[in-house]
Amino acid sequence: MTAHFVKLFTHPNFAWTEIREEEEHHPRHYLGHLLLLSLIPAVCLFIGTTLVGWGLAENETVKLSQASALQLSGLLYLTILAGVVIMGLFIRWMSRTFDARPTANQCIGFVAYTATPFFVAGVTGLYPERWLAVTLLGLASIYSTFLLYTGLPTFMRVRKEEGLLFSTCTWGVGLLVLVTMLVLMILIWFNVLTPEYMRPPVTS
């Protein structure tokens, strides 16, 4: 996992070739990568919302109770895993239009590796500030898009022309899945789990 993690940022073309070969010989090889790196945003969010907090107004810092933060972190972790699986199944379905015939596991693995920059950007949870989150998640989005367009033709073994169209379709569906999963997570968070906020006492 570590070797692929580093190579995705330093030598992505070589990384995709190695990842494809390993996934062919060892199905579900991506699980370690997905399950471990998905913990980064979840754990960082727990720490940030309980120890650091965020500002809703000037000179006011709001935090979550540990129980509420644990619920939010667990929900985020499950949402990430579900989103990766759903996106992988969408790619498997779309592959029928092209010459690629990947398995469902290979498609889920491809999504897991492509989403690596988003996992790393999850460190923004340690310091819940809007400007930092927007900056790092924006950079993660750009690099994930790069990994998608460079990696899909290699991983799916399709021609570059098909790979470009396949990647574009994947990007569009991915955006839809991302927005849908986040909206569902927020609705569950507010309407089912009922967050418990910890505000500092008011001083006169």
C-alpha atoms as a PDB file:
ATOM      1  CA  MET A   1       0.000   0.000   0.000  1.00  0.00           C
ATOM      2  CA  THR A   2       2.735   2.487   0.956  1.00  0.00           C
ATOM      3  CA  ALA A   3       4.614   2.002  -2.316  1.00  0.00           C
ATOM      4  CA  HIS A   4       1.484   2.695  -4.366  1.00  0.00           C
ATOM      5  CA  PHE A   5       0.603   5.653  -2.172  1.00  0.00           C
ATOM      6  CA  VAL A   6       3.938   7.344  -2.817  1.00  0.00           C
ATOM      7  CA  LYS A   7       4.064   6.462  -6.516  1.00  0.00           C
ATOM      8  CA  LEU A   8       0.600   7.874  -7.166  1.00  0.00           C
ATOM      9  CA  PHE A   9       2.074  11.271  -6.301  1.00  0.00           C
ATOM     10  CA  THR A  10       5.553  10.816  -7.775  1.00  0.00           C
ATOM     11  CA  HIS A  11       5.206   8.381 -10.725  1.00  0.00           C
ATOM     12  CA  PRO A  12       1.467   7.917 -11.369  1.00  0.00           C
ATOM     13  CA  ASN A  13       1.887   6.149 -14.722  1.00  0.00           C
ATOM     14  CA  PHE A  14       4.097   3.448 -13.187  1.00  0.00           C
ATOM     15  CA  ALA A  15       1.777   3.223 -10.193  1.00  0.00           C
ATOM     16  CA  TRP A  16      -1.275   2.516 -12.349  1.00  0.00           C
ATOM     17  CA  THR A  17       0.538  -0.257 -14.238  1.00  0.00           C
ATOM     18  CA  GLU A  18       1.575  -1.942 -10.987  1.00  0.00           C
ATOM     19  CA  ILE A  19      -1.854  -1.512  -9.433  1.00  0.00           C
ATOM     20  CA  ARG A  20      -3.553  -3.081 -12.463  1.00  0.00           C
ATOM     21  CA  GLU A  21      -1.226  -6.110 -12.372  1.00  0.00           C
ATOM     22  CA  GLU A  22      -1.739  -6.637  -8.651  1.00  0.00           C
ATOM     23  CA  GLU A  23      -5.507  -6.331  -8.892  1.00  0.00           C
ATOM     24  CA  GLU A  24      -5.530  -8.949 -11.652  1.00  0.00           C
ATOM     25  CA  HIS A  25      -3.600 -11.453  -9.543  1.00  0.00           C
ATOM     26  CA  HIS A  26      -4.926 -10.524  -6.107  1.00  0.00           C
ATOM     27  CA  PRO A  27      -8.578  -9.399  -6.138  1.00  0.00           C
ATOM     28  CA  ARG A  28      -9.502  -6.987  -3.352  1.00  0.00           C
ATOM     29  CA  HIS A  29      -5.870  -5.973  -2.954  1.00  0.00           C
ATOM     30  CA  TYR A  30      -7.160  -2.403  -2.732  1.00  0.00           C
ATOM     31  CA  LEU A  31      -9.005  -3.054   0.550  1.00  0.00           C
ATOM     32  CA  GLY A  32      -6.052  -2.212   2.776  1.00  0.00           C
ATOM     33  CA  HIS A  33      -5.512   1.052   0.931  1.00  0.00           C
ATOM     34  CA  LEU A  34      -9.192   1.989   1.108  1.00  0.00           C
ATOM     35  CA  LEU A  35      -9.924   0.958   4.693  1.00  0.00           C
ATOM     36  CA  LEU A  36      -6.819   2.589   6.149  1.00  0.00           C
ATOM     37  CA  LEU A  37      -6.709   5.846   4.191  1.00  0.00           C
ATOM     38  CA  SER A  38     -10.429   6.408   4.694  1.00  0.00           C
ATOM     39  CA  LEU A  39      -9.628   6.698   8.384  1.00  0.00           C
ATOM     40  CA  ILE A  40      -7.637   9.900   7.801  1.00  0.00           C
ATOM     41  CA  PRO A  41     -10.619  12.241   7.307  1.00  0.00           C
ATOM     42  CA  ALA A  42     -12.704  10.437   9.938  1.00  0.00           C
ATOM     43  CA  VAL A  43     -10.047  10.527  12.665  1.00  0.00           C
ATOM     44  CA  CYS A  44      -8.953  14.071  11.841  1.00  0.00           C
ATOM     45  CA  LEU A  45     -12.555  15.276  11.934  1.00  0.00           C
ATOM     46  CA  PHE A  46     -13.034  13.722  15.374  1.00  0.00           C
ATOM     47  CA  ILE A  47      -9.928  15.449  16.715  1.00  0.00           C
ATOM     48  CA  GLY A  48     -10.740  18.774  15.105  1.00  0.00           C
ATOM     49  CA  THR A  49     -14.353  18.955  16.245  1.00  0.00           C
ATOM     50  CA  THR A  50     -13.620  17.932  19.850  1.00  0.00           C
ATOM     51  CA  LEU A  51     -10.282  19.617  20.595  1.00  0.00           C
ATOM     52  CA  VAL A  52     -10.059  22.580  18.187  1.00  0.00           C
ATOM     53  CA  GLY A  53     -13.619  23.497  17.237  1.00  0.00           C
ATOM     54  CA  TRP A  54     -14.746  26.096  14.738  1.00  0.00           C
ATOM     55  CA  GLY A  55     -15.988  29.654  14.907  1.00  0.00           C
ATOM     56  CA  LEU A  56     -19.611  30.573  14.191  1.00  0.00           C
ATOM     57  CA  ALA A  57     -19.244  34.134  15.399  1.00  0.00           C
ATOM     58  CA  GLU A  58     -16.454  36.433  16.490  1.00  0.00           C
ATOM     59  CA  ASN A  59     -14.701  35.237  19.653  1.00  0.00           C
ATOM     60  CA  GLU A  60     -16.890  32.133  19.855  1.00  0.00           C
ATOM     61  CA  THR A  61     -15.614  28.598  19.347  1.00  0.00           C
ATOM     62  CA  VAL A  62     -18.010  25.685  19.032  1.00  0.00           C
ATOM     63  CA  LYS A  63     -17.050  22.058  19.586  1.00  0.00           C
ATOM     64  CA  LEU A  64     -18.858  18.741  19.524  1.00  0.00           C
ATOM     65  CA  SER A  65     -19.210  16.366  22.427  1.00  0.00           C
ATOM     66  CA  GLN A  66     -17.040  13.277  22.064  1.00  0.00           C
ATOM     67  CA  ALA A  67     -20.080  11.054  21.573  1.00  0.00           C
ATOM     68  CA  SER A  68     -21.481  13.319  18.870  1.00  0.00           C
ATOM     69  CA  ALA A  69     -18.093  13.668  17.158  1.00  0.00           C
ATOM     70  CA  LEU A  70     -17.683   9.896  17.192  1.00  0.00           C
ATOM     71  CA  GLN A  71     -21.054   9.516  15.490  1.00  0.00           C
ATOM     72  CA  LEU A  72     -20.101  12.083  12.855  1.00  0.00           C
ATOM     73  CA  SER A  73     -16.706  10.467  12.220  1.00  0.00           C
ATOM     74  CA  GLY A  74     -18.245   7.012  11.949  1.00  0.00           C
ATOM     75  CA  LEU A  75     -20.894   8.316   9.571  1.00  0.00           C
ATOM     76  CA  LEU A  76     -18.236  10.001   7.426  1.00  0.00           C
ATOM     77  CA  TYR A  77     -16.186   6.788   7.302  1.00  0.00           C
ATOM     78  CA  LEU A  78     -19.173   4.714   6.209  1.00  0.00           C
ATOM     79  CA  THR A  79     -20.167   7.368   3.674  1.00  0.00           C
ATOM     80  CA  ILE A  80     -16.692   7.285   2.118  1.00  0.00           C
ATOM     81  CA  LEU A  81     -16.720   3.494   1.840  1.00  0.00           C
ATOM     82  CA  ALA A  82     -20.247   3.439   0.424  1.00  0.00           C
ATOM     83  CA  GLY A  83     -19.411   6.200  -2.056  1.00  0.00           C
ATOM     84  CA  VAL A  84     -16.350   4.341  -3.345  1.00  0.00           C
ATOM     85  CA  VAL A  85     -18.311   1.116  -3.794  1.00  0.00           C
ATOM     86  CA  ILE A  86     -21.228   2.853  -5.533  1.00  0.00           C
ATOM     87  CA  MET A  87     -18.887   4.750  -7.841  1.00  0.00           C
ATOM     88  CA  GLY A  88     -17.022   1.535  -8.663  1.00  0.00           C
ATOM     89  CA  LEU A  89     -20.278  -0.176  -9.615  1.00  0.00           C
ATOM     90  CA  PHE A  90     -21.185   2.765 -11.829  1.00  0.00           C
ATOM     91  CA  ILE A  91     -17.836   2.446 -13.621  1.00  0.00           C
ATOM     92  CA  ARG A  92     -18.429  -1.289 -14.064  1.00  0.00           C
ATOM     93  CA  TRP A  93     -21.823  -0.524 -15.604  1.00  0.00           C
ATOM     94  CA  MET A  94     -20.424   2.185 -17.905  1.00  0.00           C
ATOM     95  CA  SER A  95     -17.582  -0.071 -19.053  1.00  0.00           C
ATOM     96  CA  ARG A  96     -20.075  -2.094 -21.101  1.00  0.00           C
ATOM     97  CA  THR A  97     -20.208   0.816 -23.543  1.00  0.00           C
ATOM     98  CA  PHE A  98     -16.461   0.545 -24.163  1.00  0.00           C
ATOM     99  CA  ASP A  99     -14.056  -2.269 -24.925  1.00  0.00           C
ATOM    100  CA  ALA A 100     -13.151  -2.684 -21.268  1.00  0.00           C
ATOM    101  CA  ARG A 101     -14.426  -5.678 -19.305  1.00  0.00           C
ATOM    102  CA  PRO A 102     -13.211  -5.050 -15.751  1.00  0.00           C
ATOM    103  CA  THR A 103     -14.595  -6.852 -12.728  1.00  0.00           C
ATOM    104  CA  ALA A 104     -16.555  -5.011 -10.057  1.00  0.00           C
ATOM    105  CA  ASN A 105     -13.604  -5.371  -7.672  1.00  0.00           C
ATOM    106  CA  GLN A 106     -11.229  -3.830 -10.179  1.00  0.00           C
ATOM    107  CA  CYS A 107     -13.556  -0.862 -10.667  1.00  0.00           C
ATOM    108  CA  ILE A 108     -13.942  -0.314  -6.927  1.00  0.00           C
ATOM    109  CA  GLY A 109     -10.174  -0.554  -6.556  1.00  0.00           C
ATOM    110  CA  PHE A 110      -9.670   2.008  -9.295  1.00  0.00           C
ATOM    111  CA  VAL A 111     -11.954   4.446  -7.469  1.00  0.00           C
ATOM    112  CA  ALA A 112     -10.178   3.797  -4.172  1.00  0.00           C
ATOM    113  CA  TYR A 113      -6.786   4.707  -5.651  1.00  0.00           C
ATOM    114  CA  THR A 114      -8.134   7.641  -7.653  1.00  0.00           C
ATOM    115  CA  ALA A 115      -9.655   9.115  -4.482  1.00  0.00           C
ATOM    116  CA  THR A 116      -6.308   9.017  -2.640  1.00  0.00           C
ATOM    117  CA  PRO A 117      -5.805  12.824  -2.798  1.00  0.00           C
ATOM    118  CA  PHE A 118      -9.189  13.310  -1.129  1.00  0.00           C
ATOM    119  CA  PHE A 119      -8.186  10.942   1.680  1.00  0.00           C
ATOM    120  CA  VAL A 120      -4.998  12.926   2.242  1.00  0.00           C
ATOM    121  CA  ALA A 121      -6.909  16.224   2.139  1.00  0.00           C
ATOM    122  CA  GLY A 122      -8.928  14.872   5.054  1.00  0.00           C
ATOM    123  CA  VAL A 123      -6.233  16.288   7.352  1.00  0.00           C
ATOM    124  CA  THR A 124      -8.178  19.561   7.076  1.00  0.00           C
ATOM    125  CA  GLY A 125     -10.458  18.061   9.702  1.00  0.00           C
ATOM    126  CA  LEU A 126      -7.766  18.768  12.283  1.00  0.00           C
ATOM    127  CA  TYR A 127      -8.339  22.489  11.838  1.00  0.00           C
ATOM    128  CA  PRO A 128     -11.955  23.061  10.728  1.00  0.00           C
ATOM    129  CA  GLU A 129     -11.528  26.357   8.915  1.00  0.00           C
ATOM    130  CA  ARG A 130     -13.471  27.001   5.711  1.00  0.00           C
ATOM    131  CA  TRP A 131     -10.601  28.575   3.757  1.00  0.00           C
ATOM    132  CA  LEU A 132      -8.276  25.664   4.530  1.00  0.00           C
ATOM    133  CA  ALA A 133     -10.859  23.042   3.603  1.00  0.00           C
ATOM    134  CA  VAL A 134     -11.725  24.777   0.329  1.00  0.00           C
ATOM    135  CA  THR A 135      -8.049  25.139  -0.613  1.00  0.00           C
ATOM    136  CA  LEU A 136      -6.949  21.577   0.125  1.00  0.00           C
ATOM    137  CA  LEU A 137     -10.088  19.934  -1.217  1.00  0.00           C
ATOM    138  CA  GLY A 138      -9.766  22.021  -4.380  1.00  0.00           C
ATOM    139  CA  LEU A 139      -6.192  20.815  -4.863  1.00  0.00           C
ATOM    140  CA  ALA A 140      -7.275  17.243  -4.132  1.00  0.00           C
ATOM    141  CA  SER A 141     -10.019  17.527  -6.743  1.00  0.00           C
ATOM    142  CA  ILE A 142      -7.537  18.713  -9.362  1.00  0.00           C
ATOM    143  CA  TYR A 143      -5.063  15.915  -8.698  1.00  0.00           C
ATOM    144  CA  SER A 144      -7.769  13.242  -8.501  1.00  0.00           C
ATOM    145  CA  THR A 145      -8.988  14.411 -11.898  1.00  0.00           C
ATOM    146  CA  PHE A 146      -5.431  14.084 -13.201  1.00  0.00           C
ATOM    147  CA  LEU A 147      -5.181  10.554 -11.795  1.00  0.00           C
ATOM    148  CA  LEU A 148      -8.521   9.683 -13.388  1.00  0.00           C
ATOM    149  CA  TYR A 149      -7.594  10.845 -16.875  1.00  0.00           C
ATOM    150  CA  THR A 150      -4.082   9.387 -16.806  1.00  0.00           C
ATOM    151  CA  GLY A 151      -4.952   6.159 -15.025  1.00  0.00           C
ATOM    152  CA  LEU A 152      -8.216   4.994 -16.543  1.00  0.00           C
ATOM    153  CA  PRO A 153      -6.864   4.077 -20.023  1.00  0.00           C
ATOM    154  CA  THR A 154      -4.004   2.135 -18.403  1.00  0.00           C
ATOM    155  CA  PHE A 155      -6.098   0.462 -15.733  1.00  0.00           C
ATOM    156  CA  MET A 156      -9.022  -0.409 -18.007  1.00  0.00           C
ATOM    157  CA  ARG A 157      -6.774  -1.158 -20.988  1.00  0.00           C
ATOM    158  CA  VAL A 158      -8.732   0.869 -23.503  1.00  0.00           C
ATOM    159  CA  ARG A 159      -7.579   3.082 -26.350  1.00  0.00           C
ATOM    160  CA  LYS A 160      -6.740   6.692 -25.488  1.00  0.00           C
ATOM    161  CA  GLU A 161      -9.705   7.997 -27.454  1.00  0.00           C
ATOM    162  CA  GLU A 162     -12.083   5.739 -25.556  1.00  0.00           C
ATOM    163  CA  GLY A 163     -10.229   6.469 -22.342  1.00  0.00           C
ATOM    164  CA  LEU A 164     -10.854  10.197 -22.707  1.00  0.00           C
ATOM    165  CA  LEU A 165     -14.602   9.729 -23.155  1.00  0.00           C
ATOM    166  CA  PHE A 166     -14.761   7.068 -20.426  1.00  0.00           C
ATOM    167  CA  SER A 167     -12.874   9.369 -18.022  1.00  0.00           C
ATOM    168  CA  THR A 168     -15.177  12.293 -18.770  1.00  0.00           C
ATOM    169  CA  CYS A 169     -18.275  10.193 -18.134  1.00  0.00           C
ATOM    170  CA  THR A 170     -16.714   8.887 -14.930  1.00  0.00           C
ATOM    171  CA  TRP A 171     -15.889  12.418 -13.776  1.00  0.00           C
ATOM    172  CA  GLY A 172     -19.477  13.557 -14.306  1.00  0.00           C
ATOM    173  CA  VAL A 173     -21.001  10.578 -12.519  1.00  0.00           C
ATOM    174  CA  GLY A 174     -18.420  10.914  -9.753  1.00  0.00           C
ATOM    175  CA  LEU A 175     -19.441  14.503  -9.110  1.00  0.00           C
ATOM    176  CA  LEU A 176     -23.092  13.459  -8.898  1.00  0.00           C
ATOM    177  CA  VAL A 177     -22.309  10.601  -6.506  1.00  0.00           C
ATOM    178  CA  LEU A 178     -20.127  12.858  -4.341  1.00  0.00           C
ATOM    179  CA  VAL A 179     -22.800  15.534  -3.966  1.00  0.00           C
ATOM    180  CA  THR A 180     -25.561  12.978  -3.344  1.00  0.00           C
ATOM    181  CA  MET A 181     -23.610  11.106  -0.670  1.00  0.00           C
ATOM    182  CA  LEU A 182     -22.625  14.302   1.136  1.00  0.00           C
ATOM    183  CA  VAL A 183     -26.203  15.585   1.148  1.00  0.00           C
ATOM    184  CA  LEU A 184     -27.463  12.256   2.508  1.00  0.00           C
ATOM    185  CA  MET A 185     -24.771  12.277   5.193  1.00  0.00           C
ATOM    186  CA  ILE A 186     -25.697  15.798   6.299  1.00  0.00           C
ATOM    187  CA  LEU A 187     -29.414  14.951   6.395  1.00  0.00           C
ATOM    188  CA  ILE A 188     -28.760  11.862   8.523  1.00  0.00           C
ATOM    189  CA  TRP A 189     -26.413  13.845  10.749  1.00  0.00           C
ATOM    190  CA  PHE A 190     -28.919  16.589  11.509  1.00  0.00           C
ATOM    191  CA  ASN A 191     -32.192  14.654  11.457  1.00  0.00           C
ATOM    192  CA  VAL A 192     -31.257  11.254  12.872  1.00  0.00           C
ATOM    193  CA  LEU A 193     -28.123  11.585  15.007  1.00  0.00           C
ATOM    194  CA  THR A 194     -28.924  15.073  16.406  1.00  0.00           C
ATOM    195  CA  PRO A 195     -25.500  16.679  17.007  1.00  0.00           C
ATOM    196  CA  GLU A 196     -24.609  17.899  20.486  1.00  0.00           C
ATOM    197  CA  TYR A 197     -22.651  21.153  20.487  1.00  0.00           C
ATOM    198  CA  MET A 198     -20.354  22.323  23.259  1.00  0.00           C
ATOM    199  CA  ARG A 199     -20.260  26.107  23.560  1.00  0.00           C
ATOM    200  CA  PRO A 200     -18.102  27.987  26.035  1.00  0.00           C
ATOM    201  CA  PRO A 201     -19.958  29.502  28.984  1.00  0.00           C
ATOM    202  CA  VAL A 202     -21.141  33.083  28.535  1.00  0.00           C
ATOM    203  CA  THR A 203     -19.274  35.528  30.728  1.00  0.00           C
ATOM    204  CA  SER A 204     -20.794  38.811  31.818  1.00  0.00           C
END
